[in-house]
Amino acid sequence: MKAFYSLLLIVIFLMQVDAQPAIYIAPKAIIKDTADSTISIPPVAADSILLAKPDSISLVAEEELPAAVKPKTINGIASFYSKNLEGTETATGETFKHAKYTGASNNLPLNTWVRVTNINNGKSVVVRINDRMHPRMAKKGRVIDLTIAAAKKIGLTSKIGLTKVSLEVIDKNEENRDPKEAKSNNNIAVAK
């Protein structure tokens, strides 16, 4: 009989609880002055987290932001993909290949072209964002995960593993790309 009343109380309690769980939304970045287009991804502070229900939130997609508000440069840490991901599917549906100049980022829209510059040595490479990083990597301050070909181009090797970089969003038709980069049929620069 005790078990019956306990079960009944639990059922009544669950019926009174709102079925929609709360989610936490943290800002991607804080842009203080649109004249200065360089941003750094801040760590999420407890007081900057919004507690809300999914149906009560209206989010603006990053692609909908006016050009003056979009960040042009993002500073952070770069890493490169694991070798065992060769042949897997990316967020854009393409087959992942280490020989292509592509990258994964959670800070930029898919198919965005960026110039990745190694802050330590000044070397740079142009890549297209075609994948997303694991959220755990983004929490560690990483802003991009590069293919091995792109990582080697900026001096990022297996001995180093991580390096500070600057990501600059560029127009995909920009003329001052590295002349050694050739476009394949699907507009991805390939290493020669």
N, C-alpha and C. Protein backbone atom coordinates (compact mmCIF):
# COMPACT_ATOMS: atom_id res chain seq x y z
N MET A 1 0.81 -1.19 0.00
CA MET A 1 0.00 0.00 0.00
C MET A 1 0.87 1.27 0.00
N LYS A 2 2.00 1.23 0.77
CA LYS A 2 2.93 2.35 0.80
C LYS A 2 3.49 2.63 -0.60
N ALA A 3 3.85 1.56 -1.29
CA ALA A 3 4.40 1.70 -2.64
C ALA A 3 3.38 2.34 -3.57
N PHE A 4 2.13 1.98 -3.43
CA PHE A 4 1.06 2.54 -4.28
C PHE A 4 0.95 4.04 -4.06
N TYR A 5 0.91 4.50 -2.80
CA TYR A 5 0.80 5.92 -2.51
C TYR A 5 2.05 6.69 -2.95
N SER A 6 3.20 6.08 -2.79
CA SER A 6 4.44 6.71 -3.25
C SER A 6 4.41 6.90 -4.76
N LEU A 7 4.00 5.87 -5.46
CA LEU A 7 3.90 5.94 -6.92
C LEU A 7 2.87 6.98 -7.33
N LEU A 8 1.74 7.02 -6.63
CA LEU A 8 0.69 7.98 -6.94
C LEU A 8 1.20 9.42 -6.74
N LEU A 9 1.94 9.66 -5.67
CA LEU A 9 2.50 10.99 -5.43
C LEU A 9 3.49 11.39 -6.51
N ILE A 10 4.30 10.45 -6.94
CA ILE A 10 5.27 10.73 -8.00
C ILE A 10 4.56 11.08 -9.29
N VAL A 11 3.52 10.33 -9.64
CA VAL A 11 2.76 10.59 -10.87
C VAL A 11 2.10 11.96 -10.80
N ILE A 12 1.50 12.31 -9.67
CA ILE A 12 0.86 13.62 -9.52
C ILE A 12 1.91 14.73 -9.64
N PHE A 13 3.06 14.55 -9.02
CA PHE A 13 4.13 15.54 -9.11
C PHE A 13 4.59 15.73 -10.55
N LEU A 14 4.78 14.64 -11.26
CA LEU A 14 5.25 14.74 -12.65
C LEU A 14 4.22 15.39 -13.55
N MET A 15 2.94 15.22 -13.25
CA MET A 15 1.90 15.83 -14.07
C MET A 15 1.87 17.35 -13.87
N GLN A 16 2.30 17.83 -12.72
CA GLN A 16 2.28 19.26 -12.44
C GLN A 16 3.53 19.97 -12.94
N VAL A 17 4.58 19.24 -13.20
CA VAL A 17 5.82 19.84 -13.68
C VAL A 17 5.68 20.13 -15.17
N ASP A 18 6.14 21.29 -15.58
CA ASP A 18 6.10 21.66 -16.99
C ASP A 18 6.92 20.65 -17.79
N ALA A 19 6.37 20.17 -18.90
CA ALA A 19 7.02 19.12 -19.69
C ALA A 19 8.24 19.63 -20.44
N GLN A 20 8.32 20.93 -20.68
CA GLN A 20 9.44 21.46 -21.44
C GLN A 20 10.60 21.80 -20.52
N PRO A 21 11.76 21.18 -20.75
CA PRO A 21 12.92 21.49 -19.91
C PRO A 21 13.50 22.85 -20.26
N ALA A 22 14.13 23.47 -19.31
CA ALA A 22 14.80 24.74 -19.54
C ALA A 22 16.13 24.47 -20.23
N ILE A 23 16.56 25.40 -21.06
CA ILE A 23 17.87 25.28 -21.71
C ILE A 23 18.70 26.51 -21.34
N TYR A 24 19.98 26.38 -21.48
CA TYR A 24 20.89 27.47 -21.17
C TYR A 24 21.44 28.01 -22.48
N ILE A 25 21.40 29.30 -22.62
CA ILE A 25 21.93 29.92 -23.82
C ILE A 25 22.99 30.91 -23.39
N ALA A 26 24.17 30.75 -23.95
CA ALA A 26 25.26 31.67 -23.64
C ALA A 26 25.59 32.46 -24.89
N PRO A 27 25.95 33.70 -24.76
CA PRO A 27 26.29 34.49 -25.94
C PRO A 27 27.55 33.95 -26.59
N LYS A 28 27.58 33.98 -27.95
CA LYS A 28 28.76 33.52 -28.68
C LYS A 28 29.93 34.47 -28.44
N ALA A 29 29.66 35.73 -28.57
CA ALA A 29 30.72 36.71 -28.39
C ALA A 29 30.09 38.05 -28.06
N ILE A 30 30.84 38.90 -27.46
CA ILE A 30 30.34 40.22 -27.11
C ILE A 30 31.08 41.22 -27.98
N ILE A 31 30.33 41.94 -28.79
CA ILE A 31 30.93 42.95 -29.65
C ILE A 31 30.66 44.30 -28.99
N LYS A 32 31.68 44.94 -28.45
CA LYS A 32 31.51 46.19 -27.73
C LYS A 32 31.44 47.38 -28.68
N ASP A 33 32.22 47.35 -29.72
CA ASP A 33 32.27 48.47 -30.64
C ASP A 33 32.36 47.90 -32.04
N THR A 34 31.38 48.22 -32.90
CA THR A 34 31.39 47.66 -34.24
C THR A 34 32.50 48.24 -35.10
N ALA A 35 33.09 49.38 -34.68
CA ALA A 35 34.20 49.94 -35.44
C ALA A 35 35.43 49.05 -35.32
N ASP A 36 35.60 48.42 -34.16
CA ASP A 36 36.70 47.47 -33.97
C ASP A 36 36.15 46.09 -34.27
N SER A 37 36.53 45.51 -35.40
CA SER A 37 35.92 44.24 -35.81
C SER A 37 36.67 43.02 -35.30
N THR A 38 37.62 43.19 -34.40
CA THR A 38 38.33 42.06 -33.82
C THR A 38 37.66 41.66 -32.52
N ILE A 39 37.34 40.37 -32.37
CA ILE A 39 36.75 39.90 -31.13
C ILE A 39 37.50 38.68 -30.64
N SER A 40 37.37 38.41 -29.38
CA SER A 40 37.86 37.18 -28.80
C SER A 40 36.68 36.51 -28.15
N ILE A 41 36.62 35.19 -28.23
CA ILE A 41 35.51 34.46 -27.64
C ILE A 41 35.71 34.44 -26.13
N PRO A 42 34.79 35.08 -25.37
CA PRO A 42 34.96 35.13 -23.92
C PRO A 42 34.53 33.84 -23.26
N PRO A 43 35.08 33.53 -22.08
CA PRO A 43 34.58 32.37 -21.35
C PRO A 43 33.18 32.69 -20.86
N VAL A 44 32.34 31.68 -20.76
CA VAL A 44 30.96 31.89 -20.34
C VAL A 44 30.91 32.09 -18.83
N ALA A 45 30.39 33.21 -18.41
CA ALA A 45 30.26 33.50 -16.99
C ALA A 45 28.86 33.10 -16.53
N ALA A 46 28.74 32.73 -15.28
CA ALA A 46 27.45 32.28 -14.75
C ALA A 46 26.38 33.35 -14.88
N ASP A 47 26.76 34.63 -14.73
CA ASP A 47 25.76 35.68 -14.79
C ASP A 47 25.39 36.06 -16.22
N SER A 48 26.07 35.51 -17.23
CA SER A 48 25.73 35.82 -18.61
C SER A 48 24.88 34.74 -19.25
N ILE A 49 24.46 33.78 -18.46
CA ILE A 49 23.66 32.69 -19.01
C ILE A 49 22.19 33.01 -18.84
N LEU A 50 21.43 32.84 -19.89
CA LEU A 50 20.01 33.09 -19.87
C LEU A 50 19.29 31.77 -19.68
N LEU A 51 18.40 31.72 -18.71
CA LEU A 51 17.61 30.52 -18.47
C LEU A 51 16.26 30.75 -19.13
N ALA A 52 15.90 29.93 -20.10
CA ALA A 52 14.65 30.13 -20.81
C ALA A 52 14.13 28.81 -21.35
N LYS A 53 12.86 28.82 -21.71
CA LYS A 53 12.25 27.64 -22.32
C LYS A 53 12.44 27.74 -23.82
N PRO A 54 12.60 26.60 -24.53
CA PRO A 54 12.89 26.62 -25.96
C PRO A 54 11.89 27.40 -26.79
N ASP A 55 10.58 27.34 -26.43
CA ASP A 55 9.58 28.00 -27.27
C ASP A 55 9.47 29.50 -26.97
N SER A 56 10.16 30.00 -25.97
CA SER A 56 10.07 31.42 -25.63
C SER A 56 11.26 32.21 -26.15
N ILE A 57 12.10 31.59 -26.96
CA ILE A 57 13.32 32.24 -27.43
C ILE A 57 13.22 32.48 -28.93
N SER A 58 13.56 33.67 -29.36
CA SER A 58 13.67 33.90 -30.79
C SER A 58 15.12 34.30 -31.05
N LEU A 59 15.84 33.46 -31.75
CA LEU A 59 17.26 33.68 -32.00
C LEU A 59 17.46 34.24 -33.39
N VAL A 60 18.42 35.12 -33.55
CA VAL A 60 18.78 35.65 -34.85
C VAL A 60 19.94 34.82 -35.37
N ALA A 61 19.78 34.26 -36.56
CA ALA A 61 20.87 33.48 -37.16
C ALA A 61 22.02 34.41 -37.47
N GLU A 62 23.24 33.89 -37.37
CA GLU A 62 24.43 34.71 -37.60
C GLU A 62 24.43 35.27 -39.02
N GLU A 63 23.87 34.50 -39.97
CA GLU A 63 23.83 34.97 -41.35
C GLU A 63 22.93 36.19 -41.51
N GLU A 64 22.00 36.43 -40.57
CA GLU A 64 21.07 37.54 -40.68
C GLU A 64 21.63 38.84 -40.11
N LEU A 65 22.78 38.79 -39.45
CA LEU A 65 23.36 39.99 -38.87
C LEU A 65 23.84 40.92 -39.96
N PRO A 66 23.71 42.23 -39.78
CA PRO A 66 24.24 43.16 -40.77
C PRO A 66 25.75 43.05 -40.85
N ALA A 67 26.29 43.35 -42.01
CA ALA A 67 27.73 43.21 -42.25
C ALA A 67 28.56 44.02 -41.26
N ALA A 68 28.06 45.18 -40.83
CA ALA A 68 28.81 46.03 -39.90
C ALA A 68 28.95 45.39 -38.53
N VAL A 69 28.04 44.47 -38.17
CA VAL A 69 28.07 43.85 -36.85
C VAL A 69 28.82 42.53 -36.86
N LYS A 70 28.91 41.88 -38.03
CA LYS A 70 29.60 40.58 -38.11
C LYS A 70 31.08 40.74 -37.79
N PRO A 71 31.63 39.84 -36.99
CA PRO A 71 33.06 39.93 -36.70
C PRO A 71 33.87 39.59 -37.94
N LYS A 72 34.93 40.36 -38.19
CA LYS A 72 35.78 40.07 -39.33
C LYS A 72 37.01 39.29 -38.92
N THR A 73 37.40 39.39 -37.66
CA THR A 73 38.57 38.68 -37.17
C THR A 73 38.24 38.04 -35.83
N ILE A 74 38.61 36.77 -35.68
CA ILE A 74 38.42 36.04 -34.43
C ILE A 74 39.77 35.48 -34.01
N ASN A 75 40.17 35.71 -32.78
CA ASN A 75 41.43 35.19 -32.26
C ASN A 75 41.15 34.03 -31.32
N GLY A 76 41.99 33.01 -31.37
CA GLY A 76 41.82 31.86 -30.50
C GLY A 76 42.88 30.81 -30.78
N ILE A 77 42.54 29.57 -30.52
CA ILE A 77 43.48 28.46 -30.66
C ILE A 77 43.03 27.55 -31.80
N ALA A 78 44.00 27.12 -32.62
CA ALA A 78 43.73 26.18 -33.71
C ALA A 78 44.31 24.82 -33.36
N SER A 79 43.66 23.79 -33.86
CA SER A 79 44.14 22.41 -33.74
C SER A 79 43.91 21.76 -35.09
N PHE A 80 44.22 20.47 -35.20
CA PHE A 80 43.92 19.80 -36.46
C PHE A 80 43.21 18.48 -36.20
N TYR A 81 42.45 18.05 -37.23
CA TYR A 81 41.63 16.85 -37.15
C TYR A 81 42.48 15.61 -36.87
N SER A 82 41.87 14.65 -36.23
CA SER A 82 42.49 13.34 -36.01
C SER A 82 42.57 12.61 -37.35
N LYS A 83 43.62 11.82 -37.54
CA LYS A 83 43.79 11.07 -38.79
C LYS A 83 42.66 10.07 -39.03
N ASN A 84 42.04 9.57 -37.96
CA ASN A 84 41.01 8.54 -38.14
C ASN A 84 39.68 9.09 -38.64
N LEU A 85 39.56 10.40 -38.87
CA LEU A 85 38.32 10.97 -39.39
C LEU A 85 38.27 11.00 -40.91
N GLU A 86 39.36 10.62 -41.56
CA GLU A 86 39.41 10.57 -43.03
C GLU A 86 38.24 9.74 -43.56
N GLY A 87 37.48 10.31 -44.49
CA GLY A 87 36.37 9.58 -45.11
C GLY A 87 35.03 9.74 -44.41
N THR A 88 35.01 10.40 -43.25
CA THR A 88 33.73 10.60 -42.56
C THR A 88 32.98 11.76 -43.19
N GLU A 89 31.72 11.91 -42.83
CA GLU A 89 30.89 12.98 -43.39
C GLU A 89 31.01 14.25 -42.55
N THR A 90 31.13 15.39 -43.23
CA THR A 90 31.21 16.68 -42.54
C THR A 90 29.81 17.24 -42.34
N ALA A 91 29.70 18.37 -41.67
CA ALA A 91 28.41 19.01 -41.42
C ALA A 91 27.72 19.45 -42.71
N THR A 92 28.50 19.68 -43.76
CA THR A 92 27.91 20.07 -45.05
C THR A 92 27.56 18.86 -45.91
N GLY A 93 27.86 17.66 -45.42
CA GLY A 93 27.54 16.44 -46.16
C GLY A 93 28.66 15.96 -47.06
N GLU A 94 29.77 16.68 -47.09
CA GLU A 94 30.91 16.28 -47.91
C GLU A 94 31.69 15.17 -47.22
N THR A 95 32.49 14.46 -48.01
CA THR A 95 33.40 13.46 -47.44
C THR A 95 34.66 14.18 -46.98
N PHE A 96 35.03 13.96 -45.73
CA PHE A 96 36.21 14.63 -45.16
C PHE A 96 37.48 14.03 -45.73
N LYS A 97 38.39 14.92 -46.18
CA LYS A 97 39.70 14.51 -46.69
C LYS A 97 40.76 15.45 -46.13
N HIS A 98 41.83 14.86 -45.58
CA HIS A 98 42.91 15.66 -44.99
C HIS A 98 43.69 16.45 -46.03
N ALA A 99 43.62 16.08 -47.31
CA ALA A 99 44.38 16.77 -48.34
C ALA A 99 43.74 18.10 -48.74
N LYS A 100 42.49 18.33 -48.36
CA LYS A 100 41.80 19.56 -48.73
C LYS A 100 42.05 20.64 -47.68
N TYR A 101 41.89 21.88 -48.09
CA TYR A 101 42.06 23.01 -47.18
C TYR A 101 40.68 23.41 -46.66
N THR A 102 40.24 22.70 -45.62
CA THR A 102 38.96 22.99 -44.99
C THR A 102 39.15 23.01 -43.48
N GLY A 103 38.11 23.45 -42.78
CA GLY A 103 38.19 23.50 -41.33
C GLY A 103 36.83 23.40 -40.67
N ALA A 104 36.85 23.16 -39.37
CA ALA A 104 35.64 23.10 -38.57
C ALA A 104 35.66 24.25 -37.58
N SER A 105 34.54 24.96 -37.48
CA SER A 105 34.42 26.07 -36.53
C SER A 105 32.98 26.19 -36.08
N ASN A 106 32.79 26.49 -34.81
CA ASN A 106 31.45 26.73 -34.29
C ASN A 106 31.13 28.22 -34.25
N ASN A 107 32.08 29.06 -34.63
CA ASN A 107 31.92 30.51 -34.55
C ASN A 107 31.51 31.15 -35.86
N LEU A 108 31.58 30.42 -36.96
CA LEU A 108 31.31 30.98 -38.27
C LEU A 108 30.31 30.12 -39.03
N PRO A 109 29.54 30.72 -39.94
CA PRO A 109 28.59 29.94 -40.74
C PRO A 109 29.33 28.96 -41.65
N LEU A 110 28.67 27.85 -41.96
CA LEU A 110 29.25 26.89 -42.90
C LEU A 110 29.47 27.56 -44.25
N ASN A 111 30.47 27.11 -44.98
CA ASN A 111 30.87 27.61 -46.30
C ASN A 111 31.46 29.03 -46.26
N THR A 112 31.87 29.48 -45.09
CA THR A 112 32.57 30.76 -44.96
C THR A 112 34.05 30.52 -45.27
N TRP A 113 34.63 31.41 -46.06
CA TRP A 113 36.06 31.35 -46.35
C TRP A 113 36.80 32.19 -45.32
N VAL A 114 37.85 31.64 -44.74
CA VAL A 114 38.64 32.37 -43.75
C VAL A 114 40.13 32.21 -44.02
N ARG A 115 40.86 33.27 -43.70
CA ARG A 115 42.32 33.19 -43.72
C ARG A 115 42.75 32.91 -42.29
N VAL A 116 43.42 31.78 -42.10
CA VAL A 116 43.90 31.39 -40.77
C VAL A 116 45.38 31.76 -40.70
N THR A 117 45.73 32.65 -39.77
CA THR A 117 47.11 33.10 -39.62
C THR A 117 47.65 32.65 -38.28
N ASN A 118 48.79 31.95 -38.33
CA ASN A 118 49.48 31.53 -37.11
C ASN A 118 50.12 32.78 -36.52
N ILE A 119 49.69 33.16 -35.33
CA ILE A 119 50.19 34.38 -34.70
C ILE A 119 51.68 34.27 -34.36
N ASN A 120 52.15 33.07 -34.08
CA ASN A 120 53.55 32.88 -33.68
C ASN A 120 54.54 33.03 -34.82
N ASN A 121 54.16 32.63 -36.06
CA ASN A 121 55.13 32.69 -37.16
C ASN A 121 54.65 33.49 -38.37
N GLY A 122 53.42 33.98 -38.35
CA GLY A 122 52.90 34.80 -39.44
C GLY A 122 52.44 34.04 -40.67
N LYS A 123 52.61 32.71 -40.70
CA LYS A 123 52.17 31.91 -41.85
C LYS A 123 50.65 31.84 -41.88
N SER A 124 50.08 31.82 -43.11
CA SER A 124 48.62 31.77 -43.21
C SER A 124 48.18 30.83 -44.32
N VAL A 125 46.91 30.43 -44.25
CA VAL A 125 46.30 29.56 -45.24
C VAL A 125 44.82 29.94 -45.32
N VAL A 126 44.24 29.81 -46.51
CA VAL A 126 42.82 30.08 -46.71
C VAL A 126 42.08 28.75 -46.71
N VAL A 127 41.06 28.66 -45.88
CA VAL A 127 40.26 27.43 -45.79
C VAL A 127 38.78 27.78 -45.84
N ARG A 128 37.98 26.76 -46.16
CA ARG A 128 36.52 26.92 -46.15
C ARG A 128 35.98 26.15 -44.96
N ILE A 129 35.08 26.75 -44.20
CA ILE A 129 34.45 26.10 -43.05
C ILE A 129 33.37 25.15 -43.59
N ASN A 130 33.60 23.85 -43.39
CA ASN A 130 32.62 22.87 -43.86
C ASN A 130 32.20 21.88 -42.78
N ASP A 131 32.59 22.16 -41.53
CA ASP A 131 32.27 21.22 -40.45
C ASP A 131 32.17 21.98 -39.13
N ARG A 132 31.68 21.30 -38.12
CA ARG A 132 31.55 21.85 -36.78
C ARG A 132 32.46 21.08 -35.83
N MET A 133 32.96 21.78 -34.80
CA MET A 133 33.82 21.14 -33.80
C MET A 133 32.96 20.54 -32.69
N HIS A 134 33.55 19.60 -31.96
CA HIS A 134 32.88 19.07 -30.78
C HIS A 134 32.81 20.20 -29.76
N PRO A 135 31.68 20.36 -29.06
CA PRO A 135 31.54 21.46 -28.09
C PRO A 135 32.64 21.49 -27.03
N ARG A 136 33.18 20.33 -26.66
CA ARG A 136 34.25 20.28 -25.68
C ARG A 136 35.48 21.05 -26.16
N MET A 137 35.75 20.97 -27.47
CA MET A 137 36.91 21.68 -28.03
C MET A 137 36.70 23.19 -27.96
N ALA A 138 35.48 23.63 -28.26
CA ALA A 138 35.18 25.06 -28.23
C ALA A 138 35.32 25.62 -26.82
N LYS A 139 34.97 24.83 -25.82
CA LYS A 139 35.10 25.28 -24.43
C LYS A 139 36.55 25.48 -24.04
N LYS A 140 37.47 24.81 -24.72
CA LYS A 140 38.89 24.92 -24.41
C LYS A 140 39.53 26.10 -25.14
N GLY A 141 38.74 26.95 -25.78
CA GLY A 141 39.26 28.13 -26.45
C GLY A 141 39.61 27.93 -27.91
N ARG A 142 39.31 26.77 -28.45
CA ARG A 142 39.63 26.52 -29.86
C ARG A 142 38.60 27.18 -30.76
N VAL A 143 39.08 27.83 -31.80
CA VAL A 143 38.19 28.51 -32.73
C VAL A 143 38.13 27.81 -34.08
N ILE A 144 39.10 26.93 -34.37
CA ILE A 144 39.09 26.20 -35.64
C ILE A 144 39.86 24.90 -35.50
N ASP A 145 39.40 23.90 -36.23
CA ASP A 145 40.06 22.60 -36.33
C ASP A 145 40.38 22.43 -37.81
N LEU A 146 41.64 22.32 -38.16
CA LEU A 146 42.07 22.30 -39.56
C LEU A 146 42.37 20.88 -40.05
N THR A 147 42.33 20.72 -41.38
CA THR A 147 42.81 19.47 -41.97
C THR A 147 44.33 19.45 -41.80
N ILE A 148 44.92 18.29 -41.98
CA ILE A 148 46.38 18.17 -41.83
C ILE A 148 47.10 19.03 -42.87
N ALA A 149 46.59 19.07 -44.12
CA ALA A 149 47.22 19.87 -45.16
C ALA A 149 47.23 21.35 -44.78
N ALA A 150 46.11 21.86 -44.29
CA ALA A 150 46.03 23.26 -43.90
C ALA A 150 46.88 23.54 -42.66
N ALA A 151 46.89 22.60 -41.73
CA ALA A 151 47.68 22.77 -40.50
C ALA A 151 49.17 22.85 -40.82
N LYS A 152 49.64 22.00 -41.72
CA LYS A 152 51.07 22.02 -42.11
C LYS A 152 51.43 23.35 -42.76
N LYS A 153 50.50 23.91 -43.51
CA LYS A 153 50.74 25.16 -44.23
C LYS A 153 51.06 26.31 -43.27
N ILE A 154 50.49 26.28 -42.05
CA ILE A 154 50.76 27.35 -41.09
C ILE A 154 51.75 26.93 -40.01
N GLY A 155 52.39 25.78 -40.21
CA GLY A 155 53.41 25.34 -39.26
C GLY A 155 52.87 24.61 -38.05
N LEU A 156 51.66 24.13 -38.13
CA LEU A 156 51.05 23.37 -37.03
C LEU A 156 51.30 21.89 -37.30
N THR A 157 52.12 21.27 -36.47
CA THR A 157 52.48 19.87 -36.69
C THR A 157 52.07 19.02 -35.50
N SER A 158 52.24 17.71 -35.63
CA SER A 158 51.87 16.81 -34.53
C SER A 158 52.72 17.06 -33.28
N LYS A 159 53.91 17.63 -33.46
CA LYS A 159 54.76 17.94 -32.29
C LYS A 159 54.19 19.13 -31.52
N ILE A 160 53.58 20.06 -32.24
CA ILE A 160 53.04 21.26 -31.60
C ILE A 160 51.59 21.01 -31.17
N GLY A 161 50.74 20.60 -32.08
CA GLY A 161 49.35 20.25 -31.76
C GLY A 161 48.37 21.40 -31.69
N LEU A 162 48.74 22.48 -31.02
CA LEU A 162 47.88 23.65 -30.86
C LEU A 162 48.70 24.91 -31.11
N THR A 163 48.07 25.93 -31.65
CA THR A 163 48.75 27.21 -31.82
C THR A 163 47.73 28.34 -31.79
N LYS A 164 48.19 29.54 -31.42
CA LYS A 164 47.32 30.72 -31.43
C LYS A 164 47.18 31.21 -32.86
N VAL A 165 45.93 31.48 -33.25
CA VAL A 165 45.67 31.92 -34.62
C VAL A 165 44.70 33.10 -34.62
N SER A 166 44.66 33.72 -35.78
CA SER A 166 43.69 34.77 -36.06
C SER A 166 42.91 34.32 -37.29
N LEU A 167 41.58 34.32 -37.21
CA LEU A 167 40.73 33.96 -38.34
C LEU A 167 40.17 35.24 -38.94
N GLU A 168 40.40 35.43 -40.23
CA GLU A 168 39.89 36.61 -40.92
C GLU A 168 38.90 36.14 -41.98
N VAL A 169 37.65 36.57 -41.87
CA VAL A 169 36.63 36.21 -42.85
C VAL A 169 36.95 36.96 -44.14
N ILE A 170 36.97 36.23 -45.26
CA ILE A 170 37.30 36.85 -46.55
C ILE A 170 36.23 36.49 -47.57
N ASP A 171 36.22 37.25 -48.65
CA ASP A 171 35.33 36.97 -49.78
C ASP A 171 35.92 35.78 -50.53
N LYS A 172 35.09 34.81 -50.88
CA LYS A 172 35.60 33.60 -51.54
C LYS A 172 36.21 33.89 -52.90
N ASN A 173 35.89 35.02 -53.49
CA ASN A 173 36.45 35.37 -54.80
C ASN A 173 37.66 36.29 -54.68
N GLU A 174 38.13 36.50 -53.45
CA GLU A 174 39.26 37.39 -53.22
C GLU A 174 40.47 36.93 -54.04
N GLU A 175 41.13 37.87 -54.65
CA GLU A 175 42.23 37.55 -55.57
C GLU A 175 43.55 37.25 -54.88
N ASN A 176 43.76 37.67 -53.63
CA ASN A 176 45.08 37.51 -53.03
C ASN A 176 45.21 36.21 -52.23
N ARG A 177 44.57 35.16 -52.69
CA ARG A 177 44.77 33.85 -52.06
C ARG A 177 46.13 33.32 -52.46
N ASP A 178 46.59 32.32 -51.72
CA ASP A 178 47.86 31.68 -52.02
C ASP A 178 47.78 31.08 -53.43
N PRO A 179 48.69 31.43 -54.34
CA PRO A 179 48.64 30.92 -55.71
C PRO A 179 48.81 29.40 -55.80
N LYS A 180 49.37 28.76 -54.77
CA LYS A 180 49.56 27.32 -54.81
C LYS A 180 48.26 26.57 -54.54
N GLU A 181 47.24 27.30 -54.09
CA GLU A 181 45.95 26.66 -53.82
C GLU A 181 45.17 26.58 -55.12
N ALA A 182 44.73 25.38 -55.46
CA ALA A 182 43.93 25.19 -56.67
C ALA A 182 42.54 24.74 -56.26
N LYS A 183 41.55 25.24 -56.99
CA LYS A 183 40.18 24.85 -56.65
C LYS A 183 39.86 23.51 -57.32
N SER A 184 39.20 22.65 -56.56
CA SER A 184 38.69 21.42 -57.15
C SER A 184 37.27 21.70 -57.63
N ASN A 185 36.58 20.69 -58.12
CA ASN A 185 35.23 20.87 -58.65
C ASN A 185 34.25 21.40 -57.61
N ASN A 186 34.47 21.12 -56.34
CA ASN A 186 33.53 21.57 -55.32
C ASN A 186 34.06 22.78 -54.55
N ASN A 187 34.90 23.60 -55.19
CA ASN A 187 35.40 24.85 -54.62
C ASN A 187 36.18 24.69 -53.33
N ILE A 188 36.87 23.59 -53.17
CA ILE A 188 37.72 23.40 -52.00
C ILE A 188 39.16 23.42 -52.48
N ALA A 189 39.96 24.24 -51.86
CA ALA A 189 41.37 24.30 -52.25
C ALA A 189 42.06 23.01 -51.86
N VAL A 190 42.85 22.46 -52.78
CA VAL A 190 43.52 21.20 -52.51
C VAL A 190 45.03 21.40 -52.48
N ALA A 191 45.69 20.65 -51.62
CA ALA A 191 47.15 20.72 -51.53
C ALA A 191 47.75 20.03 -52.74
N LYS A 192 48.85 20.59 -53.25
CA LYS A 192 49.52 19.96 -54.40
C LYS A 192 50.68 19.14 -53.93
